[in-house]
Amino acid sequence: MTNMKFVDLSDTPDDQLTNDQKSELQRRFQSFFAAPVKNYLDSKKKTDAPKKVSKWVPGQS
């Protein structure tokens, strides 16, 4: 049995997929859509405190 993580399943019709291939497609789908949510939540954890904004005054650094 080959490692399903590296198999190209893009050209295989849905009705010809085996149970292992279907479960691998489901795993890929879940990991693909979970990544942006995880990145968003990780970025929110880092910036829990609001950033302090100060007024810009000309001639001061």
N, C-alpha and C. Protein backbone atom coordinates (compact mmCIF):
# COMPACT_ATOMS: atom_id res chain seq x y z
N MET A 1 0.84 -1.19 0.00
CA MET A 1 0.00 0.00 0.00
C MET A 1 0.88 1.25 0.00
N THR A 2 0.55 2.21 -0.81
CA THR A 2 1.33 3.44 -0.90
C THR A 2 0.88 4.43 0.17
N ASN A 3 1.73 5.38 0.42
CA ASN A 3 1.40 6.44 1.37
C ASN A 3 0.39 7.37 0.70
N MET A 4 -0.80 7.46 1.26
CA MET A 4 -1.89 8.22 0.64
C MET A 4 -1.64 9.73 0.66
N LYS A 5 -0.73 10.20 1.47
CA LYS A 5 -0.47 11.64 1.54
C LYS A 5 0.13 12.18 0.24
N PHE A 6 0.79 11.31 -0.51
CA PHE A 6 1.50 11.76 -1.71
C PHE A 6 0.85 11.30 -3.01
N VAL A 7 -0.32 10.71 -2.94
CA VAL A 7 -1.01 10.22 -4.13
C VAL A 7 -1.84 11.35 -4.74
N ASP A 8 -1.76 11.49 -6.07
CA ASP A 8 -2.56 12.49 -6.78
C ASP A 8 -3.94 11.91 -7.03
N LEU A 9 -4.95 12.47 -6.37
CA LEU A 9 -6.31 11.98 -6.50
C LEU A 9 -7.19 12.93 -7.32
N SER A 10 -6.59 13.90 -7.96
CA SER A 10 -7.36 14.94 -8.64
C SER A 10 -8.08 14.44 -9.88
N ASP A 11 -7.55 13.44 -10.57
CA ASP A 11 -8.17 12.98 -11.81
C ASP A 11 -9.06 11.76 -11.62
N THR A 12 -9.15 11.25 -10.40
CA THR A 12 -9.95 10.06 -10.14
C THR A 12 -11.41 10.45 -9.89
N PRO A 13 -12.34 9.87 -10.64
CA PRO A 13 -13.76 10.17 -10.39
C PRO A 13 -14.19 9.72 -9.00
N ASP A 14 -15.17 10.40 -8.45
CA ASP A 14 -15.61 10.09 -7.09
C ASP A 14 -16.13 8.67 -6.94
N ASP A 15 -16.79 8.16 -7.94
CA ASP A 15 -17.35 6.82 -7.82
C ASP A 15 -16.30 5.72 -7.93
N GLN A 16 -15.06 6.07 -8.29
CA GLN A 16 -14.00 5.07 -8.40
C GLN A 16 -13.02 5.14 -7.22
N LEU A 17 -13.26 6.01 -6.27
CA LEU A 17 -12.37 6.13 -5.12
C LEU A 17 -12.61 5.00 -4.12
N THR A 18 -11.52 4.50 -3.57
CA THR A 18 -11.63 3.49 -2.51
C THR A 18 -11.92 4.20 -1.19
N ASN A 19 -12.23 3.45 -0.16
CA ASN A 19 -12.49 4.04 1.15
C ASN A 19 -11.26 4.77 1.69
N ASP A 20 -10.08 4.21 1.47
CA ASP A 20 -8.85 4.88 1.92
C ASP A 20 -8.65 6.20 1.20
N GLN A 21 -8.93 6.22 -0.10
CA GLN A 21 -8.78 7.45 -0.87
C GLN A 21 -9.80 8.50 -0.44
N LYS A 22 -11.01 8.07 -0.16
CA LYS A 22 -12.04 9.00 0.31
C LYS A 22 -11.67 9.59 1.66
N SER A 23 -11.15 8.77 2.55
CA SER A 23 -10.76 9.29 3.87
C SER A 23 -9.57 10.23 3.75
N GLU A 24 -8.66 9.95 2.81
CA GLU A 24 -7.53 10.85 2.59
C GLU A 24 -7.99 12.20 2.03
N LEU A 25 -8.94 12.18 1.11
CA LEU A 25 -9.48 13.44 0.58
C LEU A 25 -10.17 14.24 1.68
N GLN A 26 -10.88 13.57 2.56
CA GLN A 26 -11.54 14.25 3.68
C GLN A 26 -10.51 14.87 4.61
N ARG A 27 -9.42 14.13 4.88
CA ARG A 27 -8.36 14.65 5.74
C ARG A 27 -7.71 15.88 5.11
N ARG A 28 -7.45 15.83 3.81
CA ARG A 28 -6.85 16.97 3.11
C ARG A 28 -7.79 18.18 3.16
N PHE A 29 -9.06 17.95 2.95
CA PHE A 29 -10.05 19.02 2.98
C PHE A 29 -10.07 19.68 4.36
N GLN A 30 -10.11 18.87 5.41
CA GLN A 30 -10.15 19.41 6.77
C GLN A 30 -8.88 20.19 7.10
N SER A 31 -7.73 19.67 6.72
CA SER A 31 -6.47 20.36 7.03
C SER A 31 -6.33 21.64 6.22
N PHE A 32 -6.84 21.65 4.98
CA PHE A 32 -6.76 22.84 4.14
C PHE A 32 -7.58 23.98 4.72
N PHE A 33 -8.79 23.70 5.19
CA PHE A 33 -9.64 24.74 5.71
C PHE A 33 -9.38 25.05 7.17
N ALA A 34 -8.67 24.19 7.87
CA ALA A 34 -8.34 24.45 9.26
C ALA A 34 -7.13 25.38 9.38
N ALA A 35 -6.26 25.39 8.39
CA ALA A 35 -5.03 26.18 8.46
C ALA A 35 -5.29 27.68 8.60
N PRO A 36 -6.14 28.31 7.77
CA PRO A 36 -6.38 29.75 7.95
C PRO A 36 -7.02 30.08 9.30
N VAL A 37 -7.89 29.22 9.77
CA VAL A 37 -8.53 29.46 11.07
C VAL A 37 -7.49 29.38 12.17
N LYS A 38 -6.60 28.39 12.09
CA LYS A 38 -5.55 28.24 13.09
C LYS A 38 -4.61 29.45 13.06
N ASN A 39 -4.23 29.90 11.86
CA ASN A 39 -3.36 31.07 11.75
C ASN A 39 -4.03 32.31 12.34
N TYR A 40 -5.32 32.47 12.07
CA TYR A 40 -6.05 33.62 12.60
C TYR A 40 -6.10 33.57 14.12
N LEU A 41 -6.40 32.42 14.67
CA LEU A 41 -6.47 32.29 16.12
C LEU A 41 -5.11 32.49 16.77
N ASP A 42 -4.05 31.99 16.12
CA ASP A 42 -2.69 32.20 16.65
C ASP A 42 -2.33 33.67 16.65
N SER A 43 -2.72 34.40 15.61
CA SER A 43 -2.41 35.83 15.55
C SER A 43 -3.20 36.60 16.60
N LYS A 44 -4.40 36.17 16.91
CA LYS A 44 -5.21 36.83 17.94
C LYS A 44 -4.60 36.61 19.32
N LYS A 45 -4.00 35.45 19.56
CA LYS A 45 -3.38 35.17 20.85
C LYS A 45 -2.20 36.11 21.10
N LYS A 46 -1.46 36.41 20.04
CA LYS A 46 -0.28 37.26 20.17
C LYS A 46 -0.66 38.72 20.45
N THR A 47 -1.80 39.15 19.96
CA THR A 47 -2.19 40.55 20.08
C THR A 47 -3.41 40.71 20.98
N ASP A 48 -3.36 40.09 22.15
CA ASP A 48 -4.48 40.22 23.08
C ASP A 48 -4.61 41.65 23.60
N ALA A 49 -3.47 42.27 23.89
CA ALA A 49 -3.51 43.64 24.40
C ALA A 49 -3.60 44.61 23.21
N PRO A 50 -4.45 45.61 23.32
CA PRO A 50 -4.54 46.57 22.21
C PRO A 50 -3.24 47.39 22.09
N LYS A 51 -2.90 47.73 20.87
CA LYS A 51 -1.69 48.52 20.64
C LYS A 51 -1.93 49.95 21.08
N LYS A 52 -0.91 50.52 21.71
CA LYS A 52 -1.02 51.90 22.16
C LYS A 52 -0.72 52.83 20.98
N VAL A 53 -1.62 53.72 20.71
CA VAL A 53 -1.47 54.66 19.61
C VAL A 53 -1.21 56.04 20.21
N SER A 54 -0.16 56.67 19.71
CA SER A 54 0.15 58.03 20.20
C SER A 54 -0.01 59.02 19.06
N LYS A 55 -0.32 60.20 19.41
CA LYS A 55 -0.53 61.26 18.43
C LYS A 55 0.82 61.69 17.85
N TRP A 56 0.87 61.87 16.55
CA TRP A 56 2.09 62.31 15.90
C TRP A 56 2.21 63.83 16.04
N VAL A 57 3.36 64.24 16.51
CA VAL A 57 3.64 65.66 16.67
C VAL A 57 4.81 66.00 15.74
N PRO A 58 4.66 66.98 14.85
CA PRO A 58 5.75 67.34 13.94
C PRO A 58 6.99 67.77 14.71
N GLY A 59 8.14 67.30 14.28
CA GLY A 59 9.41 67.69 14.89
C GLY A 59 9.80 66.81 16.06
N GLN A 60 8.97 65.88 16.47
CA GLN A 60 9.33 64.98 17.57
C GLN A 60 9.42 63.57 17.03
N SER A 61 10.34 62.81 17.61
CA SER A 61 10.51 61.42 17.18
C SER A 61 9.99 60.49 18.22
